Amino acid sequence: MNSKNLIQIKQFCIYHGIENTFITELQNYGLVEIIFQEEDSYLHSKQLPAVEKMIRLHYDLKINMEGIDAIAHLLNKIETLQQNLNSAQNKLRLFEHHLIE
């Protein structure tokens, strides 16, 4: 894995003013993947938007881990449903286009 895409959890937590245990709790709920390299722990940079959203949910809106877990699963479900809807709409457009010709 390319280490330039990894964010050291310790530095991430200092920057955001949060405890390292928050990231560990997210991992325990299966919401993030922690990468261990050279006796340190990292997040992949592609996870940062989701983690920052979870930080806001927890620290700004006072939502507990169970609530964050539920919200994350619902958002993933909505995203999957949106992708399925887009796919169905594209197939329908293609079908309609063939009917018109």
PDB file of N, CA and C in Angstrom:
ATOM      1  N   MET A   1       0.855  -1.183   0.000  1.00  0.00           N
ATOM      2  CA  MET A   1       0.000   0.000   0.000  1.00  0.00           C
ATOM      3  C   MET A   1       0.891   1.233   0.000  1.00  0.00           C
ATOM      4  N   ASN A   2       0.500   2.204  -0.737  1.00  0.00           N
ATOM      5  CA  ASN A   2       1.268   3.428  -0.866  1.00  0.00           C
ATOM      6  C   ASN A   2       1.149   4.252   0.414  1.00  0.00           C
ATOM      7  N   SER A   3       2.266   4.478   1.081  1.00  0.00           N
ATOM      8  CA  SER A   3       2.230   5.159   2.375  1.00  0.00           C
ATOM      9  C   SER A   3       1.881   6.637   2.260  1.00  0.00           C
ATOM     10  N   LYS A   4       1.962   7.216   1.060  1.00  0.00           N
ATOM     11  CA  LYS A   4       1.601   8.632   0.940  1.00  0.00           C
ATOM     12  C   LYS A   4       0.081   8.840   1.037  1.00  0.00           C
ATOM     13  N   ASN A   5      -0.685   7.767   0.926  1.00  0.00           N
ATOM     14  CA  ASN A   5      -2.133   7.848   1.081  1.00  0.00           C
ATOM     15  C   ASN A   5      -2.585   7.537   2.508  1.00  0.00           C
ATOM     16  N   LEU A   6      -1.629   7.367   3.398  1.00  0.00           N
ATOM     17  CA  LEU A   6      -1.941   7.029   4.783  1.00  0.00           C
ATOM     18  C   LEU A   6      -1.788   8.254   5.674  1.00  0.00           C
ATOM     19  N   ILE A   7      -2.718   8.383   6.605  1.00  0.00           N
ATOM     20  CA  ILE A   7      -2.719   9.486   7.565  1.00  0.00           C
ATOM     21  C   ILE A   7      -2.487   8.883   8.946  1.00  0.00           C
ATOM     22  N   GLN A   8      -1.465   9.351   9.622  1.00  0.00           N
ATOM     23  CA  GLN A   8      -1.165   8.844  10.957  1.00  0.00           C
ATOM     24  C   GLN A   8      -2.302   9.229  11.907  1.00  0.00           C
ATOM     25  N   ILE A   9      -2.853   8.250  12.582  1.00  0.00           N
ATOM     26  CA  ILE A   9      -4.001   8.479  13.462  1.00  0.00           C
ATOM     27  C   ILE A   9      -3.650   9.453  14.576  1.00  0.00           C
ATOM     28  N   LYS A  10      -2.468   9.327  15.134  1.00  0.00           N
ATOM     29  CA  LYS A  10      -2.053  10.217  16.220  1.00  0.00           C
ATOM     30  C   LYS A  10      -2.115  11.688  15.763  1.00  0.00           C
ATOM     31  N   GLN A  11      -1.565  11.967  14.600  1.00  0.00           N
ATOM     32  CA  GLN A  11      -1.564  13.340  14.075  1.00  0.00           C
ATOM     33  C   GLN A  11      -2.978  13.797  13.697  1.00  0.00           C
ATOM     34  N   PHE A  12      -3.763  12.886  13.120  1.00  0.00           N
ATOM     35  CA  PHE A  12      -5.147  13.189  12.756  1.00  0.00           C
ATOM     36  C   PHE A  12      -5.942  13.607  13.993  1.00  0.00           C
ATOM     37  N   CYS A  13      -5.770  12.862  15.077  1.00  0.00           N
ATOM     38  CA  CYS A  13      -6.501  13.147  16.316  1.00  0.00           C
ATOM     39  C   CYS A  13      -6.048  14.465  16.939  1.00  0.00           C
ATOM     40  N   ILE A  14      -4.766  14.740  16.900  1.00  0.00           N
ATOM     41  CA  ILE A  14      -4.269  16.015  17.412  1.00  0.00           C
ATOM     42  C   ILE A  14      -4.870  17.161  16.604  1.00  0.00           C
ATOM     43  N   TYR A  15      -4.858  17.028  15.282  1.00  0.00           N
ATOM     44  CA  TYR A  15      -5.387  18.073  14.402  1.00  0.00           C
ATOM     45  C   TYR A  15      -6.860  18.355  14.702  1.00  0.00           C
ATOM     46  N   HIS A  16      -7.643  17.278  14.926  1.00  0.00           N
ATOM     47  CA  HIS A  16      -9.079  17.433  15.156  1.00  0.00           C
ATOM     48  C   HIS A  16      -9.437  17.602  16.625  1.00  0.00           C
ATOM     49  N   GLY A  17      -8.461  17.503  17.509  1.00  0.00           N
ATOM     50  CA  GLY A  17      -8.711  17.675  18.932  1.00  0.00           C
ATOM     51  C   GLY A  17      -9.571  16.582  19.527  1.00  0.00           C
ATOM     52  N   ILE A  18      -9.352  15.348  19.090  1.00  0.00           N
ATOM     53  CA  ILE A  18     -10.130  14.214  19.589  1.00  0.00           C
ATOM     54  C   ILE A  18      -9.189  13.167  20.182  1.00  0.00           C
ATOM     55  N   GLU A  19      -9.768  12.234  20.915  1.00  0.00           N
ATOM     56  CA  GLU A  19      -8.998  11.142  21.509  1.00  0.00           C
ATOM     57  C   GLU A  19      -8.785  10.030  20.476  1.00  0.00           C
ATOM     58  N   ASN A  20      -7.628   9.358  20.567  1.00  0.00           N
ATOM     59  CA  ASN A  20      -7.348   8.215  19.693  1.00  0.00           C
ATOM     60  C   ASN A  20      -8.384   7.113  19.870  1.00  0.00           C
ATOM     61  N   THR A  21      -8.953   7.027  21.070  1.00  0.00           N
ATOM     62  CA  THR A  21      -9.928   5.973  21.348  1.00  0.00           C
ATOM     63  C   THR A  21     -11.175   6.112  20.482  1.00  0.00           C
ATOM     64  N   PHE A  22     -11.472   7.331  20.032  1.00  0.00           N
ATOM     65  CA  PHE A  22     -12.631   7.521  19.153  1.00  0.00           C
ATOM     66  C   PHE A  22     -12.440   6.730  17.859  1.00  0.00           C
ATOM     67  N   ILE A  23     -11.254   6.794  17.280  1.00  0.00           N
ATOM     68  CA  ILE A  23     -10.967   6.057  16.045  1.00  0.00           C
ATOM     69  C   ILE A  23     -11.012   4.554  16.308  1.00  0.00           C
ATOM     70  N   THR A  24     -10.493   4.133  17.463  1.00  0.00           N
ATOM     71  CA  THR A  24     -10.549   2.713  17.832  1.00  0.00           C
ATOM     72  C   THR A  24     -11.989   2.244  17.954  1.00  0.00           C
ATOM     73  N   GLU A  25     -12.848   3.083  18.550  1.00  0.00           N
ATOM     74  CA  GLU A  25     -14.261   2.727  18.656  1.00  0.00           C
ATOM     75  C   GLU A  25     -14.907   2.613  17.281  1.00  0.00           C
ATOM     76  N   LEU A  26     -14.558   3.515  16.374  1.00  0.00           N
ATOM     77  CA  LEU A  26     -15.080   3.433  15.009  1.00  0.00           C
ATOM     78  C   LEU A  26     -14.669   2.112  14.365  1.00  0.00           C
ATOM     79  N   GLN A  27     -13.435   1.701  14.602  1.00  0.00           N
ATOM     80  CA  GLN A  27     -12.976   0.428  14.053  1.00  0.00           C
ATOM     81  C   GLN A  27     -13.742  -0.740  14.684  1.00  0.00           C
ATOM     82  N   ASN A  28     -13.980  -0.675  15.977  1.00  0.00           N
ATOM     83  CA  ASN A  28     -14.719  -1.743  16.662  1.00  0.00           C
ATOM     84  C   ASN A  28     -16.121  -1.917  16.093  1.00  0.00           C
ATOM     85  N   TYR A  29     -16.705  -0.839  15.611  1.00  0.00           N
ATOM     86  CA  TYR A  29     -18.034  -0.898  14.991  1.00  0.00           C
ATOM     87  C   TYR A  29     -17.954  -1.221  13.496  1.00  0.00           C
ATOM     88  N   GLY A  30     -16.741  -1.378  12.978  1.00  0.00           N
ATOM     89  CA  GLY A  30     -16.575  -1.696  11.566  1.00  0.00           C
ATOM     90  C   GLY A  30     -16.767  -0.504  10.646  1.00  0.00           C
ATOM     91  N   LEU A  31     -16.633   0.704  11.189  1.00  0.00           N
ATOM     92  CA  LEU A  31     -16.876   1.913  10.411  1.00  0.00           C
ATOM     93  C   LEU A  31     -15.623   2.453   9.724  1.00  0.00           C
ATOM     94  N   VAL A  32     -14.452   2.062  10.221  1.00  0.00           N
ATOM     95  CA  VAL A  32     -13.183   2.452   9.592  1.00  0.00           C
ATOM     96  C   VAL A  32     -12.237   1.255   9.645  1.00  0.00           C
ATOM     97  N   GLU A  33     -11.224   1.338   8.816  1.00  0.00           N
ATOM     98  CA  GLU A  33     -10.177   0.326   8.829  1.00  0.00           C
ATOM     99  C   GLU A  33      -8.877   0.999   9.257  1.00  0.00           C
ATOM    100  N   ILE A  34      -8.292   0.481  10.318  1.00  0.00           N
ATOM    101  CA  ILE A  34      -7.009   0.992  10.785  1.00  0.00           C
ATOM    102  C   ILE A  34      -5.918   0.126  10.168  1.00  0.00           C
ATOM    103  N   ILE A  35      -4.908   0.797   9.631  1.00  0.00           N
ATOM    104  CA  ILE A  35      -3.785   0.110   9.003  1.00  0.00           C
ATOM    105  C   ILE A  35      -2.583   0.243   9.938  1.00  0.00           C
ATOM    106  N   PHE A  36      -1.972  -0.887  10.250  1.00  0.00           N
ATOM    107  CA  PHE A  36      -0.806  -0.887  11.129  1.00  0.00           C
ATOM    108  C   PHE A  36       0.448  -1.092  10.292  1.00  0.00           C
ATOM    109  N   GLN A  37       1.366  -0.144  10.415  1.00  0.00           N
ATOM    110  CA  GLN A  37       2.654  -0.233   9.716  1.00  0.00           C
ATOM    111  C   GLN A  37       3.735   0.326  10.622  1.00  0.00           C
ATOM    112  N   GLU A  38       4.846  -0.378  10.669  1.00  0.00           N
ATOM    113  CA  GLU A  38       6.010   0.093  11.406  1.00  0.00           C
ATOM    114  C   GLU A  38       5.649   0.599  12.810  1.00  0.00           C
ATOM    115  N   GLU A  39       4.900  -0.205  13.538  1.00  0.00           N
ATOM    116  CA  GLU A  39       4.524   0.079  14.925  1.00  0.00           C
ATOM    117  C   GLU A  39       3.728   1.370  15.102  1.00  0.00           C
ATOM    118  N   ASP A  40       3.004   1.768  14.064  1.00  0.00           N
ATOM    119  CA  ASP A  40       2.133   2.935  14.160  1.00  0.00           C
ATOM    120  C   ASP A  40       0.826   2.614  13.459  1.00  0.00           C
ATOM    121  N   SER A  41      -0.204   3.415  13.705  1.00  0.00           N
ATOM    122  CA  SER A  41      -1.513   3.155  13.112  1.00  0.00           C
ATOM    123  C   SER A  41      -1.913   4.316  12.206  1.00  0.00           C
ATOM    124  N   TYR A  42      -2.593   3.956  11.114  1.00  0.00           N
ATOM    125  CA  TYR A  42      -2.932   4.914  10.075  1.00  0.00           C
ATOM    126  C   TYR A  42      -4.355   4.701   9.580  1.00  0.00           C
ATOM    127  N   LEU A  43      -4.907   5.756   9.000  1.00  0.00           N
ATOM    128  CA  LEU A  43      -6.149   5.694   8.237  1.00  0.00           C
ATOM    129  C   LEU A  43      -5.792   5.939   6.782  1.00  0.00           C
ATOM    130  N   HIS A  44      -6.501   5.285   5.887  1.00  0.00           N
ATOM    131  CA  HIS A  44      -6.307   5.587   4.467  1.00  0.00           C
ATOM    132  C   HIS A  44      -7.005   6.914   4.180  1.00  0.00           C
ATOM    133  N   SER A  45      -6.391   7.718   3.335  1.00  0.00           N
ATOM    134  CA  SER A  45      -6.921   9.062   3.065  1.00  0.00           C
ATOM    135  C   SER A  45      -8.332   9.037   2.493  1.00  0.00           C
ATOM    136  N   LYS A  46      -8.725   7.956   1.821  1.00  0.00           N
ATOM    137  CA  LYS A  46     -10.083   7.890   1.260  1.00  0.00           C
ATOM    138  C   LYS A  46     -11.147   7.793   2.357  1.00  0.00           C
ATOM    139  N   GLN A  47     -10.748   7.434   3.574  1.00  0.00           N
ATOM    140  CA  GLN A  47     -11.685   7.337   4.696  1.00  0.00           C
ATOM    141  C   GLN A  47     -11.917   8.676   5.393  1.00  0.00           C
ATOM    142  N   LEU A  48     -11.069   9.659   5.122  1.00  0.00           N
ATOM    143  CA  LEU A  48     -11.117  10.918   5.876  1.00  0.00           C
ATOM    144  C   LEU A  48     -12.471  11.624   5.820  1.00  0.00           C
ATOM    145  N   PRO A  49     -13.119  11.771   4.652  1.00  0.00           N
ATOM    146  CA  PRO A  49     -14.418  12.465   4.663  1.00  0.00           C
ATOM    147  C   PRO A  49     -15.444  11.784   5.577  1.00  0.00           C
ATOM    148  N   ALA A  50     -15.487  10.469   5.538  1.00  0.00           N
ATOM    149  CA  ALA A  50     -16.444   9.749   6.386  1.00  0.00           C
ATOM    150  C   ALA A  50     -16.088   9.893   7.861  1.00  0.00           C
ATOM    151  N   VAL A  51     -14.808   9.800   8.186  1.00  0.00           N
ATOM    152  CA  VAL A  51     -14.380   9.922   9.588  1.00  0.00           C
ATOM    153  C   VAL A  51     -14.672  11.331  10.103  1.00  0.00           C
ATOM    154  N   GLU A  52     -14.403  12.332   9.290  1.00  0.00           N
ATOM    155  CA  GLU A  52     -14.682  13.707   9.716  1.00  0.00           C
ATOM    156  C   GLU A  52     -16.176  13.932   9.909  1.00  0.00           C
ATOM    157  N   LYS A  53     -16.997  13.292   9.091  1.00  0.00           N
ATOM    158  CA  LYS A  53     -18.454  13.369   9.268  1.00  0.00           C
ATOM    159  C   LYS A  53     -18.858  12.722  10.588  1.00  0.00           C
ATOM    160  N   MET A  54     -18.246  11.585  10.912  1.00  0.00           N
ATOM    161  CA  MET A  54     -18.555  10.903  12.168  1.00  0.00           C
ATOM    162  C   MET A  54     -18.081  11.712  13.374  1.00  0.00           C
ATOM    163  N   ILE A  55     -16.972  12.422  13.222  1.00  0.00           N
ATOM    164  CA  ILE A  55     -16.499  13.307  14.294  1.00  0.00           C
ATOM    165  C   ILE A  55     -17.543  14.380  14.564  1.00  0.00           C
ATOM    166  N   ARG A  56     -18.068  14.995  13.503  1.00  0.00           N
ATOM    167  CA  ARG A  56     -19.093  16.036  13.682  1.00  0.00           C
ATOM    168  C   ARG A  56     -20.360  15.464  14.315  1.00  0.00           C
ATOM    169  N   LEU A  57     -20.773  14.281  13.884  1.00  0.00           N
ATOM    170  CA  LEU A  57     -21.957  13.661  14.470  1.00  0.00           C
ATOM    171  C   LEU A  57     -21.770  13.429  15.970  1.00  0.00           C
ATOM    172  N   HIS A  58     -20.600  12.946  16.338  1.00  0.00           N
ATOM    173  CA  HIS A  58     -20.364  12.596  17.741  1.00  0.00           C
ATOM    174  C   HIS A  58     -20.104  13.821  18.620  1.00  0.00           C
ATOM    175  N   TYR A  59     -19.200  14.670  18.194  1.00  0.00           N
ATOM    176  CA  TYR A  59     -18.775  15.773  19.056  1.00  0.00           C
ATOM    177  C   TYR A  59     -19.679  17.001  18.946  1.00  0.00           C
ATOM    178  N   ASP A  60     -20.199  17.283  17.767  1.00  0.00           N
ATOM    179  CA  ASP A  60     -21.046  18.465  17.612  1.00  0.00           C
ATOM    180  C   ASP A  60     -22.512  18.163  17.919  1.00  0.00           C
ATOM    181  N   LEU A  61     -22.996  17.002  17.465  1.00  0.00           N
ATOM    182  CA  LEU A  61     -24.410  16.668  17.647  1.00  0.00           C
ATOM    183  C   LEU A  61     -24.656  15.712  18.809  1.00  0.00           C
ATOM    184  N   LYS A  62     -23.572  15.285  19.471  1.00  0.00           N
ATOM    185  CA  LYS A  62     -23.650  14.414  20.656  1.00  0.00           C
ATOM    186  C   LYS A  62     -24.329  13.075  20.364  1.00  0.00           C
ATOM    187  N   ILE A  63     -24.092  12.531  19.170  1.00  0.00           N
ATOM    188  CA  ILE A  63     -24.652  11.231  18.798  1.00  0.00           C
ATOM    189  C   ILE A  63     -23.678  10.153  19.253  1.00  0.00           C
ATOM    190  N   ASN A  64     -24.199   9.134  19.945  1.00  0.00           N
ATOM    191  CA  ASN A  64     -23.339   8.072  20.465  1.00  0.00           C
ATOM    192  C   ASN A  64     -22.924   7.113  19.344  1.00  0.00           C
ATOM    193  N   MET A  65     -22.050   6.169  19.672  1.00  0.00           N
ATOM    194  CA  MET A  65     -21.503   5.244  18.669  1.00  0.00           C
ATOM    195  C   MET A  65     -22.588   4.397  18.010  1.00  0.00           C
ATOM    196  N   GLU A  66     -23.572   3.978  18.780  1.00  0.00           N
ATOM    197  CA  GLU A  66     -24.655   3.176  18.213  1.00  0.00           C
ATOM    198  C   GLU A  66     -25.424   4.002  17.179  1.00  0.00           C
ATOM    199  N   GLY A  67     -25.635   5.274  17.487  1.00  0.00           N
ATOM    200  CA  GLY A  67     -26.316   6.160  16.542  1.00  0.00           C
ATOM    201  C   GLY A  67     -25.490   6.402  15.293  1.00  0.00           C
ATOM    202  N   ILE A  68     -24.191   6.603  15.461  1.00  0.00           N
ATOM    203  CA  ILE A  68     -23.304   6.796  14.314  1.00  0.00           C
ATOM    204  C   ILE A  68     -23.302   5.549  13.436  1.00  0.00           C
ATOM    205  N   ASP A  69     -23.262   4.384  14.070  1.00  0.00           N
ATOM    206  CA  ASP A  69     -23.295   3.115  13.338  1.00  0.00           C
ATOM    207  C   ASP A  69     -24.585   3.013  12.519  1.00  0.00           C
ATOM    208  N   ALA A  70     -25.714   3.324  13.133  1.00  0.00           N
ATOM    209  CA  ALA A  70     -26.998   3.261  12.433  1.00  0.00           C
ATOM    210  C   ALA A  70     -27.042   4.262  11.276  1.00  0.00           C
ATOM    211  N   ILE A  71     -26.587   5.475  11.518  1.00  0.00           N
ATOM    212  CA  ILE A  71     -26.574   6.501  10.473  1.00  0.00           C
ATOM    213  C   ILE A  71     -25.680   6.072   9.315  1.00  0.00           C
ATOM    214  N   ALA A  72     -24.498   5.542   9.614  1.00  0.00           N
ATOM    215  CA  ALA A  72     -23.572   5.110   8.554  1.00  0.00           C
ATOM    216  C   ALA A  72     -24.189   4.003   7.710  1.00  0.00           C
ATOM    217  N   HIS A  73     -24.844   3.044   8.349  1.00  0.00           N
ATOM    218  CA  HIS A  73     -25.475   1.959   7.600  1.00  0.00           C
ATOM    219  C   HIS A  73     -26.634   2.478   6.748  1.00  0.00           C
ATOM    220  N   LEU A  74     -27.416   3.396   7.286  1.00  0.00           N
ATOM    221  CA  LEU A  74     -28.517   3.962   6.503  1.00  0.00           C
ATOM    222  C   LEU A  74     -27.995   4.765   5.311  1.00  0.00           C
ATOM    223  N   LEU A  75     -26.937   5.543   5.516  1.00  0.00           N
ATOM    224  CA  LEU A  75     -26.355   6.308   4.410  1.00  0.00           C
ATOM    225  C   LEU A  75     -25.787   5.388   3.341  1.00  0.00           C
ATOM    226  N   ASN A  76     -25.157   4.280   3.750  1.00  0.00           N
ATOM    227  CA  ASN A  76     -24.661   3.306   2.776  1.00  0.00           C
ATOM    228  C   ASN A  76     -25.806   2.674   2.000  1.00  0.00           C
ATOM    229  N   LYS A  77     -26.898   2.383   2.683  1.00  0.00           N
ATOM    230  CA  LYS A  77     -28.069   1.793   2.032  1.00  0.00           C
ATOM    231  C   LYS A  77     -28.668   2.775   1.027  1.00  0.00           C
ATOM    232  N   ILE A  78     -28.760   4.038   1.415  1.00  0.00           N
ATOM    233  CA  ILE A  78     -29.281   5.070   0.506  1.00  0.00           C
ATOM    234  C   ILE A  78     -28.388   5.178  -0.722  1.00  0.00           C
ATOM    235  N   GLU A  79     -27.077   5.159  -0.517  1.00  0.00           N
ATOM    236  CA  GLU A  79     -26.148   5.250  -1.646  1.00  0.00           C
ATOM    237  C   GLU A  79     -26.319   4.063  -2.600  1.00  0.00           C
ATOM    238  N   THR A  80     -26.465   2.864  -2.043  1.00  0.00           N
ATOM    239  CA  THR A  80     -26.682   1.672  -2.863  1.00  0.00           C
ATOM    240  C   THR A  80     -27.991   1.775  -3.637  1.00  0.00           C
ATOM    241  N   LEU A  81     -29.042   2.207  -2.958  1.00  0.00           N
ATOM    242  CA  LEU A  81     -30.333   2.363  -3.626  1.00  0.00           C
ATOM    243  C   LEU A  81     -30.266   3.417  -4.728  1.00  0.00           C
ATOM    244  N   GLN A  82     -29.535   4.504  -4.493  1.00  0.00           N
ATOM    245  CA  GLN A  82     -29.378   5.549  -5.509  1.00  0.00           C
ATOM    246  C   GLN A  82     -28.638   5.015  -6.726  1.00  0.00           C
ATOM    247  N   GLN A  83     -27.602   4.214  -6.495  1.00  0.00           N
ATOM    248  CA  GLN A  83     -26.869   3.612  -7.601  1.00  0.00           C
ATOM    249  C   GLN A  83     -27.767   2.666  -8.395  1.00  0.00           C
ATOM    250  N   ASN A  84     -28.578   1.867  -7.694  1.00  0.00           N
ATOM    251  CA  ASN A  84     -29.515   0.962  -8.369  1.00  0.00           C
ATOM    252  C   ASN A  84     -30.541   1.739  -9.175  1.00  0.00           C
ATOM    253  N   LEU A  85     -31.041   2.838  -8.618  1.00  0.00           N
ATOM    254  CA  LEU A  85     -32.001   3.671  -9.322  1.00  0.00           C
ATOM    255  C   LEU A  85     -31.377   4.275 -10.571  1.00  0.00           C
ATOM    256  N   ASN A  86     -30.152   4.788 -10.457  1.00  0.00           N
ATOM    257  CA  ASN A  86     -29.471   5.360 -11.619  1.00  0.00           C
ATOM    258  C   ASN A  86     -29.266   4.308 -12.703  1.00  0.00           C
ATOM    259  N   SER A  87     -28.886   3.110 -12.304  1.00  0.00           N
ATOM    260  CA  SER A  87     -28.690   2.017 -13.259  1.00  0.00           C
ATOM    261  C   SER A  87     -30.000   1.673 -13.961  1.00  0.00           C
ATOM    262  N   ALA A  88     -31.076   1.582 -13.202  1.00  0.00           N
ATOM    263  CA  ALA A  88     -32.391   1.275 -13.796  1.00  0.00           C
ATOM    264  C   ALA A  88     -32.843   2.388 -14.743  1.00  0.00           C
ATOM    265  N   GLN A  89     -32.607   3.639 -14.360  1.00  0.00           N
ATOM    266  CA  GLN A  89     -32.973   4.754 -15.228  1.00  0.00           C
ATOM    267  C   GLN A  89     -32.163   4.734 -16.517  1.00  0.00           C
ATOM    268  N   ASN A  90     -30.882   4.402 -16.431  1.00  0.00           N
ATOM    269  CA  ASN A  90     -30.054   4.318 -17.633  1.00  0.00           C
ATOM    270  C   ASN A  90     -30.535   3.205 -18.559  1.00  0.00           C
ATOM    271  N   LYS A  91     -30.901   2.053 -17.990  1.00  0.00           N
ATOM    272  CA  LYS A  91     -31.421   0.949 -18.792  1.00  0.00           C
ATOM    273  C   LYS A  91     -32.747   1.334 -19.439  1.00  0.00           C
ATOM    274  N   LEU A  92     -33.586   2.042 -18.694  1.00  0.00           N
ATOM    275  CA  LEU A  92     -34.868   2.482 -19.236  1.00  0.00           C
ATOM    276  C   LEU A  92     -34.666   3.447 -20.390  1.00  0.00           C
ATOM    277  N   ARG A  93     -33.739   4.386 -20.248  1.00  0.00           N
ATOM    278  CA  ARG A  93     -33.442   5.328 -21.330  1.00  0.00           C
ATOM    279  C   ARG A  93     -32.946   4.595 -22.575  1.00  0.00           C
ATOM    280  N   LEU A  94     -32.085   3.606 -22.360  1.00  0.00           N
ATOM    281  CA  LEU A  94     -31.574   2.821 -23.477  1.00  0.00           C
ATOM    282  C   LEU A  94     -32.714   2.072 -24.151  1.00  0.00           C
ATOM    283  N   PHE A  95     -33.586   1.477 -23.373  1.00  0.00           N
ATOM    284  CA  PHE A  95     -34.744   0.744 -23.902  1.00  0.00           C
ATOM    285  C   PHE A  95     -35.668   1.682 -24.668  1.00  0.00           C
ATOM    286  N   GLU A  96     -35.954   2.843 -24.093  1.00  0.00           N
ATOM    287  CA  GLU A  96     -36.806   3.836 -24.762  1.00  0.00           C
ATOM    288  C   GLU A  96     -36.183   4.303 -26.061  1.00  0.00           C
ATOM    289  N   HIS A  97     -34.849   4.488 -26.052  1.00  0.00           N
ATOM    290  CA  HIS A  97     -34.142   4.938 -27.252  1.00  0.00           C
ATOM    291  C   HIS A  97     -34.271   3.898 -28.370  1.00  0.00           C
ATOM    292  N   HIS A  98     -34.208   2.604 -28.031  1.00  0.00           N
ATOM    293  CA  HIS A  98     -34.339   1.551 -29.024  1.00  0.00           C
ATOM    294  C   HIS A  98     -35.766   1.449 -29.536  1.00  0.00           C
ATOM    295  N   LEU A  99     -36.748   1.759 -28.708  1.00  0.00           N
ATOM    296  CA  LEU A  99     -38.141   1.722 -29.140  1.00  0.00           C
ATOM    297  C   LEU A  99     -38.453   2.844 -30.128  1.00  0.00           C
ATOM    298  N   ILE A 100     -37.830   3.998 -29.927  1.00  0.00           N
ATOM    299  CA  ILE A 100     -38.079   5.149 -30.771  1.00  0.00           C
ATOM    300  C   ILE A 100     -37.485   4.927 -32.164  1.00  0.00           C
ATOM    301  N   GLU A 101     -36.373   4.234 -32.248  1.00  0.00           N
ATOM    302  CA  GLU A 101     -35.701   4.035 -33.545  1.00  0.00           C
ATOM    303  C   GLU A 101     -36.415   3.094 -34.432  1.00  0.00           C
TER     304      GLU A 101
END
